[in-house]
Amino acid sequence: MKLLYALLGKGIYSTSDTSAFVYLEKANVGKRYSDTQLIFAATLYSENVFNYEDHIAHALLNSGVNQHGFTSAICLTRPFSRGQITLKSNDPFDHPTIDQKYIEDERDKKKNGLEGEAY
């Protein structure tokens, strides 16, 4: 990995991402897990790592081409919403169909929308 960075300036040593795990709900303070993850990166993402819809990803990713920037994200660590994975076919090499159903549960909407923005 160090060689990749030394030769090409790429790889794990070329990033400075960091995460913070926090308790936004007082009821969760002291538990073994946090309820929210804050992600910070001293870069503009150049790939659709958050699986946005194509038109949103295109607008976001192309707006920062050849520019410096900062990226942040808020993630619920224990969401109530549940997604679904199904097989597309009986071919083991076909990718499955993944429906994340992000923030479909009203409790997640409240938590992500209100507490996330307030923080």
Protein backbone atom coordinates (compact mmCIF):
# COMPACT_ATOMS: atom_id res chain seq x y z
CA MET A 1 0.00 0.00 0.00
CA LYS A 2 2.82 2.40 0.79
CA LEU A 3 4.34 1.68 -2.62
CA LEU A 4 1.06 2.52 -4.37
CA TYR A 5 0.98 5.85 -2.56
CA ALA A 6 4.67 6.55 -3.19
CA LEU A 7 4.43 5.80 -6.91
CA LEU A 8 0.95 7.01 -7.83
CA GLY A 9 -0.29 9.08 -4.89
CA LYS A 10 -3.24 6.69 -4.52
CA GLY A 11 -4.45 4.16 -2.00
CA ILE A 12 -5.35 4.20 1.67
CA TYR A 13 -2.56 6.61 2.60
CA SER A 14 -3.89 9.29 0.25
CA THR A 15 -7.09 9.92 2.24
CA SER A 16 -7.80 11.64 5.51
CA ASP A 17 -11.29 10.43 6.30
CA THR A 18 -12.50 10.37 9.86
CA SER A 19 -15.65 9.33 11.69
CA ALA A 20 -17.23 10.29 14.97
CA PHE A 21 -19.77 8.12 16.75
CA VAL A 22 -22.08 10.19 18.92
CA TYR A 23 -25.11 9.88 21.17
CA LEU A 24 -27.79 12.30 20.00
CA GLU A 25 -30.55 10.76 22.10
CA LYS A 26 -30.02 11.18 25.83
CA ALA A 27 -31.69 7.81 26.41
CA ASN A 28 -28.81 6.11 24.57
CA VAL A 29 -25.96 7.73 26.52
CA GLY A 30 -23.93 5.06 28.26
CA LYS A 31 -25.09 2.21 26.04
CA ARG A 32 -22.51 0.08 24.25
CA TYR A 33 -23.33 1.63 20.88
CA SER A 34 -23.90 5.14 19.61
CA ASP A 35 -27.04 6.06 17.70
CA THR A 36 -25.42 8.24 15.03
CA GLN A 37 -22.22 8.29 12.98
CA LEU A 38 -20.79 11.52 11.59
CA ILE A 39 -18.44 11.04 8.64
CA PHE A 40 -15.99 13.71 7.49
CA ALA A 41 -13.64 13.57 4.52
CA ALA A 42 -11.24 16.24 3.31
CA THR A 43 -12.16 15.49 -0.29
CA LEU A 44 -15.01 15.62 -2.74
CA TYR A 45 -16.27 12.15 -3.58
CA SER A 46 -15.74 11.20 -7.20
CA GLU A 47 -17.79 8.00 -7.09
CA ASN A 48 -21.36 7.30 -6.09
CA VAL A 49 -20.42 5.72 -2.75
CA PHE A 50 -23.78 6.59 -1.16
CA ASN A 51 -25.80 4.98 -3.99
CA TYR A 52 -27.73 8.14 -4.87
CA GLU A 53 -30.18 8.06 -7.77
CA ASP A 54 -28.32 8.66 -11.04
CA HIS A 55 -29.51 12.23 -11.64
CA ILE A 56 -28.61 13.28 -8.08
CA ALA A 57 -25.20 11.58 -8.22
CA HIS A 58 -24.44 13.21 -11.57
CA ALA A 59 -25.25 16.69 -10.22
CA LEU A 60 -23.26 16.20 -7.01
CA LEU A 61 -20.22 14.46 -8.44
CA ASN A 62 -19.76 16.66 -11.49
CA SER A 63 -20.09 19.92 -9.57
CA GLY A 64 -16.72 19.46 -7.85
CA VAL A 65 -14.54 18.24 -10.71
CA ASN A 66 -10.96 19.57 -10.35
CA GLN A 67 -11.83 21.41 -7.14
CA HIS A 68 -10.90 21.03 -3.51
CA GLY A 69 -13.64 20.33 -1.04
CA PHE A 70 -14.98 18.72 2.09
CA THR A 71 -17.60 16.00 2.39
CA SER A 72 -19.70 15.11 5.42
CA ALA A 73 -22.52 12.66 6.04
CA ILE A 74 -24.82 11.68 8.89
CA CYS A 75 -25.65 7.98 9.30
CA LEU A 76 -28.00 6.27 11.72
CA THR A 77 -26.15 3.35 13.31
CA ARG A 78 -29.27 1.50 14.45
CA PRO A 79 -32.09 2.39 12.01
CA PHE A 80 -35.60 1.04 12.40
CA SER A 81 -36.11 0.88 8.61
CA ARG A 82 -35.37 -2.51 7.06
CA GLY A 83 -34.38 -3.16 3.48
CA GLN A 84 -34.70 -6.25 1.37
CA ILE A 85 -32.32 -8.35 -0.76
CA THR A 86 -33.78 -10.66 -3.40
CA LEU A 87 -32.29 -12.78 -6.14
CA LYS A 88 -32.68 -11.52 -9.71
CA SER A 89 -32.39 -15.00 -11.18
CA ASN A 90 -31.05 -18.46 -10.46
CA ASP A 91 -27.71 -17.47 -12.03
CA PRO A 92 -25.21 -17.22 -9.13
CA PHE A 93 -23.23 -14.56 -11.03
CA ASP A 94 -26.17 -12.13 -11.34
CA HIS A 95 -26.08 -9.32 -8.81
CA PRO A 96 -28.98 -9.40 -6.35
CA THR A 97 -31.69 -6.76 -6.24
CA ILE A 98 -31.14 -4.56 -3.19
CA ASP A 99 -33.90 -2.26 -1.96
CA GLN A 100 -32.39 -0.31 0.95
CA LYS A 101 -35.66 1.36 1.99
CA TYR A 102 -33.64 4.12 3.62
CA ILE A 103 -35.54 6.14 6.21
CA GLU A 104 -38.88 4.48 5.47
CA ASP A 105 -39.76 4.13 9.13
CA GLU A 106 -41.16 7.37 10.61
CA ARG A 107 -38.86 7.07 13.64
CA ASP A 108 -35.82 7.25 11.33
CA LYS A 109 -37.26 10.24 9.47
CA LYS A 110 -37.68 12.12 12.72
CA LYS A 111 -34.25 11.19 13.98
CA ASN A 112 -32.36 11.86 10.74
CA GLY A 113 -34.26 15.01 9.85
CA LEU A 114 -34.61 16.77 13.16
CA GLU A 115 -31.73 15.62 15.30
CA GLY A 116 -29.24 15.33 12.45
CA GLU A 117 -29.78 18.89 11.26
CA ALA A 118 -29.84 20.30 14.78
CA TYR A 119 -26.49 18.75 15.54
